[in-house]
């Protein structure tokens, strides 16, 4: 899910100008998020469960280390063997989300707007990762509390939030 900017430069006088435009200003410091290392997958506890509302999952990631680290601002949530991942709401590009030592971040995932929709696909597991560079943790439908399977149709996910309530509110506001 990470996106990277690519700039094509030709071997002309414009190349030097383009390189100067990309160089940081003298004395410029990278943002604190840019200096924050990506959390090692082994340093995170990833959880997922069904919410009270049908077609909604709650996911979380906890930094178990004694240092702040970063995950992607949007969780990577995939469904069984289906192609693709839940799309972020609101739409965004990849960026770091800092998680302080011992803290947890929360997101809410709508798997299907109408879980009874006949277009919805039924999967028996969901994989959640705090960062797209991670393999993620797989949760079976039974572990999620959905023994009949997870219905999926146009899934979306919130960005990470500092509380479960903020994640729930963000999903509700984004999917009205």
C-alpha atoms as a PDB file:
ATOM      1  CA  UNK A   1       0.000   0.000   0.000  1.00  0.00           C
ATOM      2  CA  UNK A   2       2.946   2.344   0.269  1.00  0.00           C
ATOM      3  CA  UNK A   3       3.262   4.675  -2.636  1.00  0.00           C
ATOM      4  CA  UNK A   4       6.505   6.165  -3.747  1.00  0.00           C
ATOM      5  CA  UNK A   5       7.095   9.194  -5.925  1.00  0.00           C
ATOM      6  CA  UNK A   6       9.281   8.630  -8.964  1.00  0.00           C
ATOM      7  CA  UNK A   7      10.860  11.487 -10.869  1.00  0.00           C
ATOM      8  CA  UNK A   8      12.306  10.914 -14.330  1.00  0.00           C
ATOM      9  CA  UNK A   9      15.200  13.188 -15.158  1.00  0.00           C
ATOM     10  CA  UNK A  10      16.900  13.590 -18.490  1.00  0.00           C
ATOM     11  CA  UNK A  11      20.614  14.223 -18.894  1.00  0.00           C
ATOM     12  CA  UNK A  12      20.195  17.909 -19.701  1.00  0.00           C
ATOM     13  CA  UNK A  13      20.685  21.211 -17.949  1.00  0.00           C
ATOM     14  CA  UNK A  14      17.232  20.665 -16.425  1.00  0.00           C
ATOM     15  CA  UNK A  15      18.655  17.772 -14.410  1.00  0.00           C
ATOM     16  CA  UNK A  16      20.756  20.041 -12.225  1.00  0.00           C
ATOM     17  CA  UNK A  17      17.806  22.349 -11.596  1.00  0.00           C
ATOM     18  CA  UNK A  18      15.567  19.416 -10.732  1.00  0.00           C
ATOM     19  CA  UNK A  19      18.122  18.020  -8.294  1.00  0.00           C
ATOM     20  CA  UNK A  20      18.478  21.393  -6.608  1.00  0.00           C
ATOM     21  CA  UNK A  21      14.709  21.621  -6.257  1.00  0.00           C
ATOM     22  CA  UNK A  22      14.676  18.253  -4.492  1.00  0.00           C
ATOM     23  CA  UNK A  23      17.523  19.123  -2.091  1.00  0.00           C
ATOM     24  CA  UNK A  24      16.485  20.193   1.415  1.00  0.00           C
ATOM     25  CA  UNK A  25      17.043  23.800   2.392  1.00  0.00           C
ATOM     26  CA  UNK A  26      20.176  24.502   4.399  1.00  0.00           C
ATOM     27  CA  UNK A  27      19.641  23.588   8.024  1.00  0.00           C
ATOM     28  CA  UNK A  28      16.341  21.813   7.297  1.00  0.00           C
ATOM     29  CA  UNK A  29      15.548  18.977   9.665  1.00  0.00           C
ATOM     30  CA  UNK A  30      13.435  15.968   8.715  1.00  0.00           C
ATOM     31  CA  UNK A  31      10.121  15.731  10.517  1.00  0.00           C
ATOM     32  CA  UNK A  32      10.118  13.774  13.752  1.00  0.00           C
ATOM     33  CA  UNK A  33       7.986  11.100  12.054  1.00  0.00           C
ATOM     34  CA  UNK A  34      10.641  10.728   9.357  1.00  0.00           C
ATOM     35  CA  UNK A  35      13.253  10.057  12.052  1.00  0.00           C
ATOM     36  CA  UNK A  36      11.046   7.526  13.835  1.00  0.00           C
ATOM     37  CA  UNK A  37      12.017   3.978  12.867  1.00  0.00           C
ATOM     38  CA  UNK A  38       9.394   1.620  11.495  1.00  0.00           C
ATOM     39  CA  UNK A  39       8.149  -0.743  14.187  1.00  0.00           C
ATOM     40  CA  UNK A  40       9.530  -4.239  13.824  1.00  0.00           C
ATOM     41  CA  UNK A  41       6.685  -6.661  13.239  1.00  0.00           C
ATOM     42  CA  UNK A  42       7.877  -8.726  16.225  1.00  0.00           C
ATOM     43  CA  UNK A  43       7.540  -5.626  18.446  1.00  0.00           C
ATOM     44  CA  UNK A  44       3.803  -5.283  17.752  1.00  0.00           C
ATOM     45  CA  UNK A  45       0.727  -7.023  19.060  1.00  0.00           C
ATOM     46  CA  UNK A  46      -2.001  -7.002  16.408  1.00  0.00           C
ATOM     47  CA  UNK A  47      -5.607  -7.746  17.362  1.00  0.00           C
ATOM     48  CA  UNK A  48      -8.896  -7.945  15.481  1.00  0.00           C
ATOM     49  CA  UNK A  49     -12.488  -8.725  16.440  1.00  0.00           C
ATOM     50  CA  UNK A  50     -16.006  -8.242  15.179  1.00  0.00           C
ATOM     51  CA  UNK A  51     -17.730  -5.073  16.357  1.00  0.00           C
ATOM     52  CA  UNK A  52     -21.299  -4.975  17.625  1.00  0.00           C
ATOM     53  CA  UNK A  53     -22.385  -3.548  14.271  1.00  0.00           C
ATOM     54  CA  UNK A  54     -22.683  -6.159  11.458  1.00  0.00           C
ATOM     55  CA  UNK A  55     -20.067  -5.816   8.741  1.00  0.00           C
ATOM     56  CA  UNK A  56     -17.582  -3.980  10.979  1.00  0.00           C
ATOM     57  CA  UNK A  57     -14.300  -5.158  12.488  1.00  0.00           C
ATOM     58  CA  UNK A  58     -12.153  -3.463  15.085  1.00  0.00           C
ATOM     59  CA  UNK A  59      -8.385  -3.755  14.757  1.00  0.00           C
ATOM     60  CA  UNK A  60      -5.567  -2.553  16.961  1.00  0.00           C
ATOM     61  CA  UNK A  61      -1.798  -2.545  17.102  1.00  0.00           C
ATOM     62  CA  UNK A  62       0.235  -2.187  20.309  1.00  0.00           C
ATOM     63  CA  UNK A  63       3.881  -1.150  20.477  1.00  0.00           C
ATOM     64  CA  UNK A  64       5.401  -3.546  23.038  1.00  0.00           C
ATOM     65  CA  UNK A  65       8.816  -1.866  23.026  1.00  0.00           C
ATOM     66  CA  UNK A  66      10.233   0.844  25.259  1.00  0.00           C
ATOM     67  CA  UNK A  67      10.711   3.257  22.329  1.00  0.00           C
ATOM     68  CA  UNK A  68       8.419   5.121  19.975  1.00  0.00           C
ATOM     69  CA  UNK A  69       8.212   3.590  16.515  1.00  0.00           C
ATOM     70  CA  UNK A  70       6.035   4.065  13.443  1.00  0.00           C
ATOM     71  CA  UNK A  71       3.589   2.017  11.394  1.00  0.00           C
ATOM     72  CA  UNK A  72       1.819   3.163   8.243  1.00  0.00           C
ATOM     73  CA  UNK A  73      -1.000   5.647   8.966  1.00  0.00           C
ATOM     74  CA  UNK A  74      -3.483   3.091   7.575  1.00  0.00           C
ATOM     75  CA  UNK A  75      -3.622  -0.570   8.606  1.00  0.00           C
ATOM     76  CA  UNK A  76      -3.223  -3.149   5.871  1.00  0.00           C
ATOM     77  CA  UNK A  77      -6.319  -5.359   5.987  1.00  0.00           C
ATOM     78  CA  UNK A  78      -6.797  -8.171   3.465  1.00  0.00           C
ATOM     79  CA  UNK A  79      -9.577 -10.718   3.170  1.00  0.00           C
ATOM     80  CA  UNK A  80      -8.961 -14.424   2.651  1.00  0.00           C
ATOM     81  CA  UNK A  81      -7.527 -15.059  -0.794  1.00  0.00           C
ATOM     82  CA  UNK A  82      -9.291 -12.088  -2.394  1.00  0.00           C
ATOM     83  CA  UNK A  83      -7.133  -9.548  -4.231  1.00  0.00           C
ATOM     84  CA  UNK A  84      -6.603  -6.121  -2.707  1.00  0.00           C
ATOM     85  CA  UNK A  85      -6.969  -4.571   0.704  1.00  0.00           C
ATOM     86  CA  UNK A  86      -9.470  -2.374   2.509  1.00  0.00           C
ATOM     87  CA  UNK A  87      -9.239   1.165   1.121  1.00  0.00           C
ATOM     88  CA  UNK A  88      -8.592   4.061   3.523  1.00  0.00           C
ATOM     89  CA  UNK A  89     -11.320   6.541   4.391  1.00  0.00           C
ATOM     90  CA  UNK A  90     -10.672   9.313   3.902  1.00  0.00           C
ATOM     91  CA  UNK A  91      -8.424   8.506   0.957  1.00  0.00           C
ATOM     92  CA  UNK A  92      -4.763   9.081   1.718  1.00  0.00           C
ATOM     93  CA  UNK A  93      -1.241   8.185   0.751  1.00  0.00           C
ATOM     94  CA  UNK A  94       1.205   6.224   2.816  1.00  0.00           C
ATOM     95  CA  UNK A  95       2.771   8.093   5.753  1.00  0.00           C
ATOM     96  CA  UNK A  96       4.130   7.170   9.165  1.00  0.00           C
ATOM     97  CA  UNK A  97       1.940   6.998  12.270  1.00  0.00           C
ATOM     98  CA  UNK A  98       3.921   7.183  15.502  1.00  0.00           C
ATOM     99  CA  UNK A  99       3.055   4.861  18.355  1.00  0.00           C
ATOM    100  CA  UNK A 100       4.664   5.642  21.700  1.00  0.00           C
ATOM    101  CA  UNK A 101       6.182   2.878  23.802  1.00  0.00           C
ATOM    102  CA  UNK A 102       3.478   0.667  25.283  1.00  0.00           C
ATOM    103  CA  UNK A 103       0.665   2.498  23.484  1.00  0.00           C
ATOM    104  CA  UNK A 104      -2.067   1.144  21.214  1.00  0.00           C
ATOM    105  CA  UNK A 105      -3.555   2.509  17.992  1.00  0.00           C
ATOM    106  CA  UNK A 106      -7.062   1.593  16.796  1.00  0.00           C
ATOM    107  CA  UNK A 107      -8.853   1.416  13.453  1.00  0.00           C
ATOM    108  CA  UNK A 108     -12.331   0.371  12.355  1.00  0.00           C
ATOM    109  CA  UNK A 109     -12.948  -1.647   9.183  1.00  0.00           C
ATOM    110  CA  UNK A 110     -16.221  -1.880   7.270  1.00  0.00           C
ATOM    111  CA  UNK A 111     -16.099  -5.224   5.471  1.00  0.00           C
ATOM    112  CA  UNK A 112     -19.425  -4.760   3.668  1.00  0.00           C
ATOM    113  CA  UNK A 113     -21.897  -1.875   3.651  1.00  0.00           C
ATOM    114  CA  UNK A 114     -24.737  -4.413   3.705  1.00  0.00           C
ATOM    115  CA  UNK A 115     -23.541  -7.771   5.071  1.00  0.00           C
ATOM    116  CA  UNK A 116     -26.598  -9.491   3.539  1.00  0.00           C
ATOM    117  CA  UNK A 117     -25.777  -8.172   0.038  1.00  0.00           C
ATOM    118  CA  UNK A 118     -25.728 -11.048  -2.440  1.00  0.00           C
ATOM    119  CA  UNK A 119     -22.661  -9.529  -4.138  1.00  0.00           C
ATOM    120  CA  UNK A 120     -20.624  -9.915  -0.959  1.00  0.00           C
ATOM    121  CA  UNK A 121     -17.937 -12.597  -0.964  1.00  0.00           C
ATOM    122  CA  UNK A 122     -17.559 -14.875   2.038  1.00  0.00           C
ATOM    123  CA  UNK A 123     -14.040 -15.444   3.415  1.00  0.00           C
ATOM    124  CA  UNK A 124     -12.871 -17.515   6.348  1.00  0.00           C
ATOM    125  CA  UNK A 125      -9.956 -15.330   7.454  1.00  0.00           C
ATOM    126  CA  UNK A 126      -8.713 -11.756   7.556  1.00  0.00           C
ATOM    127  CA  UNK A 127      -5.078 -10.626   7.719  1.00  0.00           C
ATOM    128  CA  UNK A 128      -4.142  -7.413   9.537  1.00  0.00           C
ATOM    129  CA  UNK A 129      -0.753  -5.669   9.476  1.00  0.00           C
ATOM    130  CA  UNK A 130       0.344  -2.432  11.093  1.00  0.00           C
ATOM    131  CA  UNK A 131       2.597  -1.663   8.157  1.00  0.00           C
ATOM    132  CA  UNK A 132       2.563  -2.878   4.532  1.00  0.00           C
ATOM    133  CA  UNK A 133       6.132  -4.139   4.961  1.00  0.00           C
ATOM    134  CA  UNK A 134       4.837  -6.652   7.523  1.00  0.00           C
ATOM    135  CA  UNK A 135       3.289 -10.052   6.769  1.00  0.00           C
ATOM    136  CA  UNK A 136       0.533  -9.390   9.285  1.00  0.00           C
ATOM    137  CA  UNK A 137      -1.450 -11.623  11.583  1.00  0.00           C
ATOM    138  CA  UNK A 138      -4.199 -13.871  10.283  1.00  0.00           C
ATOM    139  CA  UNK A 139      -7.512 -14.087  12.146  1.00  0.00           C
ATOM    140  CA  UNK A 140      -9.975 -16.867  11.313  1.00  0.00           C
ATOM    141  CA  UNK A 141     -13.689 -16.202  11.176  1.00  0.00           C
ATOM    142  CA  UNK A 142     -14.051 -18.112  14.471  1.00  0.00           C
ATOM    143  CA  UNK A 143     -11.364 -15.963  16.144  1.00  0.00           C
ATOM    144  CA  UNK A 144     -13.197 -12.857  14.951  1.00  0.00           C
ATOM    145  CA  UNK A 145     -16.470 -14.092  16.426  1.00  0.00           C
ATOM    146  CA  UNK A 146     -17.976 -14.647  12.952  1.00  0.00           C
ATOM    147  CA  UNK A 147     -18.274 -18.442  12.608  1.00  0.00           C
ATOM    148  CA  UNK A 148     -20.404 -18.114   9.458  1.00  0.00           C
ATOM    149  CA  UNK A 149     -17.542 -16.274   7.701  1.00  0.00           C
ATOM    150  CA  UNK A 150     -16.677 -12.654   6.940  1.00  0.00           C
ATOM    151  CA  UNK A 151     -18.769 -11.003   4.226  1.00  0.00           C
ATOM    152  CA  UNK A 152     -16.711  -8.661   2.047  1.00  0.00           C
ATOM    153  CA  UNK A 153     -17.863  -6.080  -0.490  1.00  0.00           C
ATOM    154  CA  UNK A 154     -15.970  -2.822  -1.087  1.00  0.00           C
ATOM    155  CA  UNK A 155     -14.152  -2.866   2.276  1.00  0.00           C
ATOM    156  CA  UNK A 156     -12.814   0.346   3.809  1.00  0.00           C
ATOM    157  CA  UNK A 157     -10.678   1.120   6.847  1.00  0.00           C
ATOM    158  CA  UNK A 158     -10.067   4.191   8.949  1.00  0.00           C
ATOM    159  CA  UNK A 159      -6.634   5.550   9.625  1.00  0.00           C
ATOM    160  CA  UNK A 160      -5.107   4.631  12.994  1.00  0.00           C
ATOM    161  CA  UNK A 161      -6.555   6.571  15.943  1.00  0.00           C
ATOM    162  CA  UNK A 162      -5.475   6.901  19.581  1.00  0.00           C
ATOM    163  CA  UNK A 163      -8.774   5.470  20.901  1.00  0.00           C
ATOM    164  CA  UNK A 164     -11.309   2.877  19.789  1.00  0.00           C
ATOM    165  CA  UNK A 165     -14.099   5.461  20.103  1.00  0.00           C
ATOM    166  CA  UNK A 166     -12.328   7.838  17.690  1.00  0.00           C
ATOM    167  CA  UNK A 167     -11.848   5.017  15.174  1.00  0.00           C
ATOM    168  CA  UNK A 168     -15.531   4.051  15.423  1.00  0.00           C
ATOM    169  CA  UNK A 169     -16.606   7.682  14.958  1.00  0.00           C
ATOM    170  CA  UNK A 170     -14.259   8.130  11.982  1.00  0.00           C
ATOM    171  CA  UNK A 171     -15.754   5.071  10.269  1.00  0.00           C
ATOM    172  CA  UNK A 172     -19.296   6.188  10.957  1.00  0.00           C
ATOM    173  CA  UNK A 173     -18.596   9.689   9.600  1.00  0.00           C
ATOM    174  CA  UNK A 174     -16.793   8.370   6.509  1.00  0.00           C
ATOM    175  CA  UNK A 175     -19.448   5.838   5.507  1.00  0.00           C
ATOM    176  CA  UNK A 176     -22.641   7.888   5.931  1.00  0.00           C
END
